[in-house]
Amino acid sequence: MESSTISRLSNIFSRAFNEDVTLEEGQSAADYDKWDSLTNIRLIVQIEKEFSINFNSVEIMGWRTVKDIIASVESKS
């Protein structure tokens, strides 16, 4: 995992949640009260913009943890 990837993702999550977020690989939506379905859509859109990539629904549905998101991002970068 590249530290720049998790740093950029942390910034995206911080903006989405309106609070400072330090991501860890094992975290999931269950770890954040503010991570609901609408926030999930915002996160996906912002991640795609930030990294100039696109995800398909199969990839997104496979995400269980932050580590899964990082792996998806890095596989496309």
N, C-alpha and C. Protein backbone atom coordinates (compact mmCIF):
# COMPACT_ATOMS: atom_id res chain seq x y z
N MET A 1 0.85 -1.19 0.00
CA MET A 1 0.00 0.00 0.00
C MET A 1 0.89 1.24 0.00
N GLU A 2 0.59 2.13 -0.89
CA GLU A 2 1.33 3.39 -0.94
C GLU A 2 0.77 4.36 0.10
N SER A 3 1.67 5.02 0.82
CA SER A 3 1.21 5.96 1.85
C SER A 3 0.48 7.14 1.23
N SER A 4 0.84 7.51 -0.01
CA SER A 4 0.14 8.62 -0.64
C SER A 4 -1.31 8.25 -0.94
N THR A 5 -1.57 6.99 -1.24
CA THR A 5 -2.94 6.55 -1.51
C THR A 5 -3.79 6.68 -0.26
N ILE A 6 -3.32 6.17 0.86
CA ILE A 6 -4.12 6.24 2.09
C ILE A 6 -4.24 7.68 2.57
N SER A 7 -3.22 8.49 2.33
CA SER A 7 -3.30 9.90 2.70
C SER A 7 -4.37 10.62 1.89
N ARG A 8 -4.38 10.37 0.60
CA ARG A 8 -5.39 10.99 -0.28
C ARG A 8 -6.78 10.49 0.07
N LEU A 9 -6.90 9.20 0.36
CA LEU A 9 -8.20 8.66 0.76
C LEU A 9 -8.65 9.24 2.10
N SER A 10 -7.73 9.41 3.03
CA SER A 10 -8.07 10.01 4.33
C SER A 10 -8.62 11.41 4.14
N ASN A 11 -8.03 12.18 3.23
CA ASN A 11 -8.54 13.53 2.94
C ASN A 11 -9.96 13.47 2.37
N ILE A 12 -10.21 12.52 1.48
CA ILE A 12 -11.54 12.37 0.89
C ILE A 12 -12.55 12.02 1.98
N PHE A 13 -12.21 11.06 2.84
CA PHE A 13 -13.11 10.66 3.92
C PHE A 13 -13.33 11.81 4.90
N SER A 14 -12.29 12.56 5.19
CA SER A 14 -12.42 13.70 6.10
C SER A 14 -13.41 14.73 5.56
N ARG A 15 -13.33 15.00 4.27
CA ARG A 15 -14.28 15.95 3.67
C ARG A 15 -15.70 15.38 3.69
N ALA A 16 -15.84 14.11 3.41
CA ALA A 16 -17.17 13.49 3.37
C ALA A 16 -17.82 13.46 4.75
N PHE A 17 -17.01 13.24 5.78
CA PHE A 17 -17.53 13.13 7.14
C PHE A 17 -17.50 14.45 7.92
N ASN A 18 -16.90 15.48 7.32
CA ASN A 18 -16.74 16.78 7.98
C ASN A 18 -16.02 16.66 9.32
N GLU A 19 -15.03 15.82 9.36
CA GLU A 19 -14.18 15.67 10.55
C GLU A 19 -12.88 15.00 10.12
N ASP A 20 -11.84 15.17 10.95
CA ASP A 20 -10.56 14.55 10.63
C ASP A 20 -10.68 13.04 10.73
N VAL A 21 -10.20 12.36 9.71
CA VAL A 21 -10.26 10.90 9.66
C VAL A 21 -8.86 10.38 9.37
N THR A 22 -8.44 9.41 10.15
CA THR A 22 -7.20 8.69 9.89
C THR A 22 -7.59 7.26 9.57
N LEU A 23 -7.48 6.90 8.31
CA LEU A 23 -7.92 5.58 7.88
C LEU A 23 -6.93 4.50 8.28
N GLU A 24 -7.47 3.34 8.58
CA GLU A 24 -6.69 2.14 8.83
C GLU A 24 -7.26 1.03 7.97
N GLU A 25 -6.43 0.14 7.52
CA GLU A 25 -6.83 -0.87 6.56
C GLU A 25 -8.02 -1.72 6.99
N GLY A 26 -8.13 -2.04 8.25
CA GLY A 26 -9.17 -2.94 8.73
C GLY A 26 -10.52 -2.28 8.98
N GLN A 27 -10.58 -0.97 8.84
CA GLN A 27 -11.84 -0.26 9.11
C GLN A 27 -12.87 -0.53 8.03
N SER A 28 -14.15 -0.42 8.44
CA SER A 28 -15.25 -0.59 7.50
C SER A 28 -16.32 0.45 7.81
N ALA A 29 -17.40 0.43 7.05
CA ALA A 29 -18.50 1.37 7.25
C ALA A 29 -19.05 1.27 8.67
N ALA A 30 -19.01 0.11 9.25
CA ALA A 30 -19.52 -0.10 10.61
C ALA A 30 -18.75 0.72 11.66
N ASP A 31 -17.54 1.14 11.32
CA ASP A 31 -16.71 1.91 12.25
C ASP A 31 -17.02 3.40 12.25
N TYR A 32 -17.90 3.84 11.34
CA TYR A 32 -18.21 5.26 11.22
C TYR A 32 -19.72 5.47 11.22
N ASP A 33 -20.21 6.21 12.18
CA ASP A 33 -21.64 6.51 12.24
C ASP A 33 -22.11 7.28 11.01
N LYS A 34 -21.24 8.09 10.45
CA LYS A 34 -21.63 8.94 9.31
C LYS A 34 -21.52 8.23 7.97
N TRP A 35 -21.07 6.98 7.95
CA TRP A 35 -20.88 6.26 6.69
C TRP A 35 -22.17 5.51 6.35
N ASP A 36 -23.06 6.20 5.69
CA ASP A 36 -24.32 5.60 5.26
C ASP A 36 -24.31 5.45 3.74
N SER A 37 -25.42 5.04 3.16
CA SER A 37 -25.45 4.78 1.72
C SER A 37 -25.19 6.04 0.90
N LEU A 38 -25.71 7.17 1.33
CA LEU A 38 -25.48 8.42 0.61
C LEU A 38 -24.02 8.82 0.69
N THR A 39 -23.44 8.70 1.86
CA THR A 39 -22.02 9.01 2.02
C THR A 39 -21.17 8.07 1.18
N ASN A 40 -21.59 6.83 1.09
CA ASN A 40 -20.86 5.86 0.28
C ASN A 40 -20.81 6.31 -1.19
N ILE A 41 -21.91 6.81 -1.69
CA ILE A 41 -21.94 7.31 -3.07
C ILE A 41 -21.01 8.51 -3.22
N ARG A 42 -21.06 9.41 -2.25
CA ARG A 42 -20.16 10.58 -2.30
C ARG A 42 -18.70 10.14 -2.30
N LEU A 43 -18.38 9.17 -1.44
CA LEU A 43 -17.00 8.68 -1.37
C LEU A 43 -16.56 8.09 -2.70
N ILE A 44 -17.41 7.29 -3.30
CA ILE A 44 -17.07 6.67 -4.58
C ILE A 44 -16.80 7.73 -5.64
N VAL A 45 -17.69 8.70 -5.73
CA VAL A 45 -17.53 9.77 -6.73
C VAL A 45 -16.24 10.55 -6.48
N GLN A 46 -15.98 10.89 -5.25
CA GLN A 46 -14.78 11.67 -4.94
C GLN A 46 -13.50 10.87 -5.16
N ILE A 47 -13.53 9.58 -4.83
CA ILE A 47 -12.36 8.73 -5.08
C ILE A 47 -12.10 8.64 -6.58
N GLU A 48 -13.15 8.43 -7.36
CA GLU A 48 -12.98 8.36 -8.81
C GLU A 48 -12.42 9.66 -9.37
N LYS A 49 -12.90 10.79 -8.88
CA LYS A 49 -12.38 12.09 -9.34
C LYS A 49 -10.93 12.28 -8.94
N GLU A 50 -10.64 12.04 -7.68
CA GLU A 50 -9.29 12.27 -7.15
C GLU A 50 -8.24 11.45 -7.90
N PHE A 51 -8.56 10.21 -8.19
CA PHE A 51 -7.58 9.32 -8.80
C PHE A 51 -7.77 9.15 -10.32
N SER A 52 -8.76 9.85 -10.88
CA SER A 52 -9.06 9.77 -12.31
C SER A 52 -9.25 8.32 -12.76
N ILE A 53 -10.10 7.62 -12.03
CA ILE A 53 -10.41 6.22 -12.32
C ILE A 53 -11.92 6.01 -12.22
N ASN A 54 -12.37 4.85 -12.66
CA ASN A 54 -13.79 4.48 -12.55
C ASN A 54 -13.89 3.07 -12.00
N PHE A 55 -14.90 2.85 -11.18
CA PHE A 55 -15.17 1.53 -10.63
C PHE A 55 -16.45 1.00 -11.24
N ASN A 56 -16.54 -0.32 -11.36
CA ASN A 56 -17.82 -0.91 -11.75
C ASN A 56 -18.52 -1.42 -10.48
N SER A 57 -19.76 -1.77 -10.62
CA SER A 57 -20.56 -2.15 -9.45
C SER A 57 -20.03 -3.42 -8.79
N VAL A 58 -19.48 -4.33 -9.54
CA VAL A 58 -18.93 -5.56 -8.96
C VAL A 58 -17.76 -5.23 -8.02
N GLU A 59 -16.89 -4.32 -8.46
CA GLU A 59 -15.76 -3.92 -7.62
C GLU A 59 -16.26 -3.29 -6.32
N ILE A 60 -17.19 -2.38 -6.45
CA ILE A 60 -17.70 -1.65 -5.28
C ILE A 60 -18.39 -2.61 -4.32
N MET A 61 -19.16 -3.53 -4.84
CA MET A 61 -19.86 -4.48 -3.97
C MET A 61 -18.90 -5.41 -3.24
N GLY A 62 -17.68 -5.53 -3.75
CA GLY A 62 -16.67 -6.37 -3.10
C GLY A 62 -15.94 -5.68 -1.96
N TRP A 63 -16.15 -4.39 -1.81
CA TRP A 63 -15.47 -3.65 -0.75
C TRP A 63 -16.08 -3.98 0.60
N ARG A 64 -15.26 -4.47 1.51
CA ARG A 64 -15.69 -4.72 2.88
C ARG A 64 -14.93 -3.85 3.88
N THR A 65 -13.70 -3.53 3.51
CA THR A 65 -12.84 -2.74 4.40
C THR A 65 -12.13 -1.66 3.60
N VAL A 66 -11.51 -0.76 4.33
CA VAL A 66 -10.69 0.28 3.70
C VAL A 66 -9.59 -0.36 2.86
N LYS A 67 -9.06 -1.47 3.32
CA LYS A 67 -8.01 -2.18 2.58
C LYS A 67 -8.51 -2.58 1.19
N ASP A 68 -9.78 -3.00 1.08
CA ASP A 68 -10.35 -3.35 -0.21
C ASP A 68 -10.43 -2.14 -1.14
N ILE A 69 -10.78 -1.00 -0.58
CA ILE A 69 -10.84 0.24 -1.38
C ILE A 69 -9.44 0.60 -1.87
N ILE A 70 -8.48 0.54 -0.98
CA ILE A 70 -7.10 0.86 -1.34
C ILE A 70 -6.63 -0.07 -2.46
N ALA A 71 -6.90 -1.36 -2.33
CA ALA A 71 -6.47 -2.32 -3.36
C ALA A 71 -7.11 -2.00 -4.70
N SER A 72 -8.38 -1.63 -4.71
CA SER A 72 -9.05 -1.26 -5.96
C SER A 72 -8.42 -0.03 -6.59
N VAL A 73 -8.17 0.97 -5.77
CA VAL A 73 -7.57 2.21 -6.26
C VAL A 73 -6.19 1.92 -6.85
N GLU A 74 -5.37 1.19 -6.09
CA GLU A 74 -4.00 0.94 -6.53
C GLU A 74 -3.93 0.01 -7.74
N SER A 75 -4.94 -0.83 -7.92
CA SER A 75 -4.93 -1.69 -9.09
C SER A 75 -5.22 -0.92 -10.38
N LYS A 76 -5.79 0.27 -10.24
CA LYS A 76 -6.14 1.09 -11.39
C LYS A 76 -5.18 2.26 -11.60
N SER A 77 -4.31 2.48 -10.65
CA SER A 77 -3.39 3.63 -10.72
C SER A 77 -2.10 3.27 -11.43
